N, C-alpha and C. Protein backbone atom coordinates (compact mmCIF):
# COMPACT_ATOMS: atom_id res chain seq x y z
N MET A 1 39.61 -33.81 65.23
CA MET A 1 40.89 -33.58 65.67
C MET A 1 41.29 -32.55 64.40
N VAL A 2 42.14 -31.45 64.62
CA VAL A 2 42.56 -30.54 63.52
C VAL A 2 43.95 -30.64 63.37
N THR A 3 44.66 -30.48 62.36
CA THR A 3 46.22 -30.70 62.79
C THR A 3 46.41 -29.55 61.35
N THR A 4 47.75 -29.49 61.25
CA THR A 4 48.30 -28.63 60.22
C THR A 4 49.52 -29.78 59.56
N ILE A 5 49.30 -29.31 57.92
CA ILE A 5 50.12 -30.01 57.20
C ILE A 5 51.11 -28.87 56.45
N GLN A 6 52.11 -28.94 56.01
CA GLN A 6 53.07 -28.06 55.15
C GLN A 6 52.97 -28.84 53.90
N VAL A 7 52.83 -27.59 52.65
CA VAL A 7 53.21 -27.68 51.57
C VAL A 7 53.88 -26.56 51.15
N HIS A 8 54.39 -26.49 49.52
CA HIS A 8 55.26 -25.56 49.10
C HIS A 8 54.23 -24.36 48.23
N GLN A 9 54.52 -23.42 48.53
CA GLN A 9 53.80 -22.34 47.81
C GLN A 9 53.11 -22.53 46.80
N GLY A 10 53.52 -23.03 45.72
CA GLY A 10 53.22 -23.70 44.54
C GLY A 10 51.68 -24.36 44.67
N LEU A 11 52.06 -25.02 45.60
CA LEU A 11 50.51 -26.10 45.86
C LEU A 11 49.67 -25.39 46.32
N LEU A 12 49.80 -24.21 47.62
CA LEU A 12 49.10 -23.71 48.11
C LEU A 12 48.40 -22.70 46.89
N GLU A 13 49.11 -22.42 46.23
CA GLU A 13 48.36 -21.70 44.99
C GLU A 13 47.34 -22.40 44.37
N GLN A 14 47.96 -23.88 44.17
CA GLN A 14 46.74 -24.30 43.11
C GLN A 14 45.62 -24.74 44.12
N LEU A 15 45.95 -25.08 45.40
CA LEU A 15 44.69 -25.27 46.09
C LEU A 15 43.61 -24.08 46.45
N ASP A 16 44.12 -22.80 46.16
CA ASP A 16 43.55 -21.73 46.31
C ASP A 16 42.52 -21.71 45.07
N ARG A 17 43.34 -21.99 44.10
CA ARG A 17 42.82 -21.50 42.75
C ARG A 17 41.52 -22.15 42.86
N LEU A 18 41.90 -24.01 43.32
CA LEU A 18 40.73 -25.03 43.05
C LEU A 18 39.73 -24.59 44.37
N LYS A 19 39.84 -23.98 45.27
CA LYS A 19 38.89 -23.58 46.27
C LYS A 19 37.92 -22.66 45.68
N LYS A 20 38.67 -21.81 44.97
CA LYS A 20 37.62 -20.77 44.43
C LYS A 20 37.11 -21.26 43.07
N ASP A 21 37.33 -22.33 42.14
CA ASP A 21 36.68 -22.30 41.40
C ASP A 21 35.48 -23.45 41.65
N MET A 22 35.66 -24.15 42.83
CA MET A 22 34.61 -25.24 43.18
C MET A 22 34.10 -24.72 44.32
N GLY A 23 33.86 -23.77 44.57
CA GLY A 23 33.07 -22.77 45.46
C GLY A 23 33.07 -23.05 46.54
N VAL A 24 34.30 -23.68 47.09
CA VAL A 24 34.15 -24.53 48.71
C VAL A 24 34.75 -23.31 49.51
N ARG A 25 34.33 -23.47 50.90
CA ARG A 25 35.02 -22.27 51.83
C ARG A 25 36.26 -23.29 52.60
N SER A 26 36.83 -24.32 52.45
CA SER A 26 38.05 -24.71 53.10
C SER A 26 38.82 -25.30 51.99
N TYR A 27 40.20 -25.73 52.55
CA TYR A 27 41.00 -26.64 51.86
C TYR A 27 40.76 -28.27 52.02
N GLU A 28 39.92 -28.42 53.57
CA GLU A 28 39.61 -29.85 53.40
C GLU A 28 38.49 -30.38 52.32
N GLU A 29 37.76 -29.20 52.05
CA GLU A 29 36.51 -29.48 51.14
C GLU A 29 37.30 -30.24 49.80
N VAL A 30 38.33 -29.06 49.73
CA VAL A 30 38.82 -29.50 48.19
C VAL A 30 39.47 -31.03 47.79
N ILE A 31 40.44 -30.95 49.57
CA ILE A 31 40.98 -32.37 49.41
C ILE A 31 40.00 -33.39 49.17
N VAL A 32 39.08 -33.57 50.13
CA VAL A 32 37.91 -34.25 50.07
C VAL A 32 37.24 -34.89 49.05
N HIS A 33 37.02 -33.76 48.27
CA HIS A 33 36.87 -34.20 46.66
C HIS A 33 37.72 -34.61 45.97
N LEU A 34 39.07 -34.26 45.93
CA LEU A 34 39.91 -34.45 44.93
C LEU A 34 40.25 -36.17 45.20
N LEU A 35 39.82 -36.31 46.46
CA LEU A 35 40.56 -37.85 47.30
C LEU A 35 39.13 -38.77 46.41
N GLN A 36 38.15 -38.38 46.25
CA GLN A 36 36.87 -38.89 45.80
C GLN A 36 36.68 -38.89 44.06
N GLU A 37 37.26 -38.16 43.80
CA GLU A 37 37.18 -38.05 42.11
C GLU A 37 38.71 -39.44 41.79
N SER A 38 39.14 -39.45 42.62
CA SER A 38 40.58 -40.20 42.45
C SER A 38 40.41 -41.75 42.69
N LYS A 39 38.93 -41.80 43.18
CA LYS A 39 38.60 -43.14 43.40
C LYS A 39 37.80 -43.71 42.21
N ARG A 40 37.05 -42.53 41.42
CA ARG A 40 36.02 -43.06 40.48
C ARG A 40 37.11 -43.46 39.05
N LEU A 41 36.24 -44.26 38.48
CA LEU A 41 36.98 -45.03 37.37
C LEU A 41 36.93 -43.80 36.60
N ASP A 42 37.76 -43.28 35.50
CA ASP A 42 37.56 -42.25 34.50
C ASP A 42 37.01 -42.61 33.53
N GLY A 43 36.32 -41.93 32.79
CA GLY A 43 35.46 -42.49 31.64
C GLY A 43 36.40 -42.59 30.20
N SER A 44 37.55 -41.90 30.52
CA SER A 44 38.49 -41.61 29.65
C SER A 44 39.24 -43.16 29.39
N TYR A 45 39.33 -44.06 30.23
CA TYR A 45 39.76 -45.27 30.10
C TYR A 45 39.28 -46.20 29.40
N PHE A 46 38.22 -46.06 29.53
CA PHE A 46 37.16 -46.96 28.40
C PHE A 46 37.62 -46.51 26.79
N GLY A 47 37.81 -48.08 26.05
CA GLY A 47 38.48 -47.82 25.22
C GLY A 47 39.84 -47.59 24.70
N LYS A 48 40.84 -47.98 25.39
CA LYS A 48 41.89 -47.26 25.44
C LYS A 48 42.67 -48.59 24.93
N LEU A 49 42.27 -49.47 25.00
CA LEU A 49 42.86 -50.83 24.38
C LEU A 49 41.79 -51.09 22.86
N LYS A 50 42.41 -50.35 22.17
CA LYS A 50 41.29 -50.46 20.98
C LYS A 50 41.54 -51.82 20.11
N LYS A 51 43.08 -51.83 19.99
CA LYS A 51 43.49 -52.94 19.05
C LYS A 51 43.28 -54.52 19.87
N LEU A 52 42.61 -54.63 20.88
CA LEU A 52 42.27 -56.00 21.03
C LEU A 52 41.39 -56.63 20.52
N ASN A 53 40.81 -57.52 19.96
CA ASN A 53 39.94 -58.47 19.63
C ASN A 53 38.93 -58.13 20.33
N THR A 54 37.64 -58.30 19.54
CA THR A 54 36.28 -58.48 20.72
C THR A 54 36.22 -59.66 21.40
N PHE A 55 35.53 -59.88 22.39
CA PHE A 55 35.37 -60.90 23.15
C PHE A 55 34.16 -61.85 22.50
N GLU A 56 34.67 -63.11 22.38
CA GLU A 56 33.68 -63.78 21.74
C GLU A 56 33.34 -65.21 22.81
N ARG A 57 32.93 -65.41 23.31
CA ARG A 57 32.32 -66.58 24.15
C ARG A 57 32.66 -67.80 23.25
N GLU A 58 33.24 -68.66 23.79
CA GLU A 58 33.37 -70.20 23.06
C GLU A 58 32.41 -71.12 23.71
N GLU A 59 31.52 -71.76 22.43
CA GLU A 59 31.07 -72.85 23.09
C GLU A 59 31.67 -73.96 22.97
N LEU A 60 31.26 -74.41 24.47
CA LEU A 60 32.22 -76.06 24.75
C LEU A 60 30.99 -77.11 24.31
N ASP A 61 31.69 -78.23 24.05
CA ASP A 61 30.78 -79.51 24.07
C ASP A 61 30.97 -80.03 25.53
N ARG A 62 29.76 -80.29 26.26
CA ARG A 62 29.72 -80.70 27.35
C ARG A 62 29.49 -82.42 27.26
N LEU A 63 30.10 -83.08 27.77
CA LEU A 63 29.86 -84.33 28.12
C LEU A 63 28.84 -84.73 29.05
N ASP A 64 27.60 -85.16 28.75
CA ASP A 64 26.72 -85.24 29.59
C ASP A 64 26.99 -86.92 30.65
């Protein structure tokens, strides 16, 4: 099924630039790519909480 969506001119211009930069033929390909990227964990999130103490496992005495 094909449908039409309304976007403001500024967004259309951004989509046009992305389509050209990505070398894809359709806005659908741009949108699919953006959705897939949004689901990935960005590597820049690693190390965001640098002030946290390092994790060390506590050894617990077990009662047998």
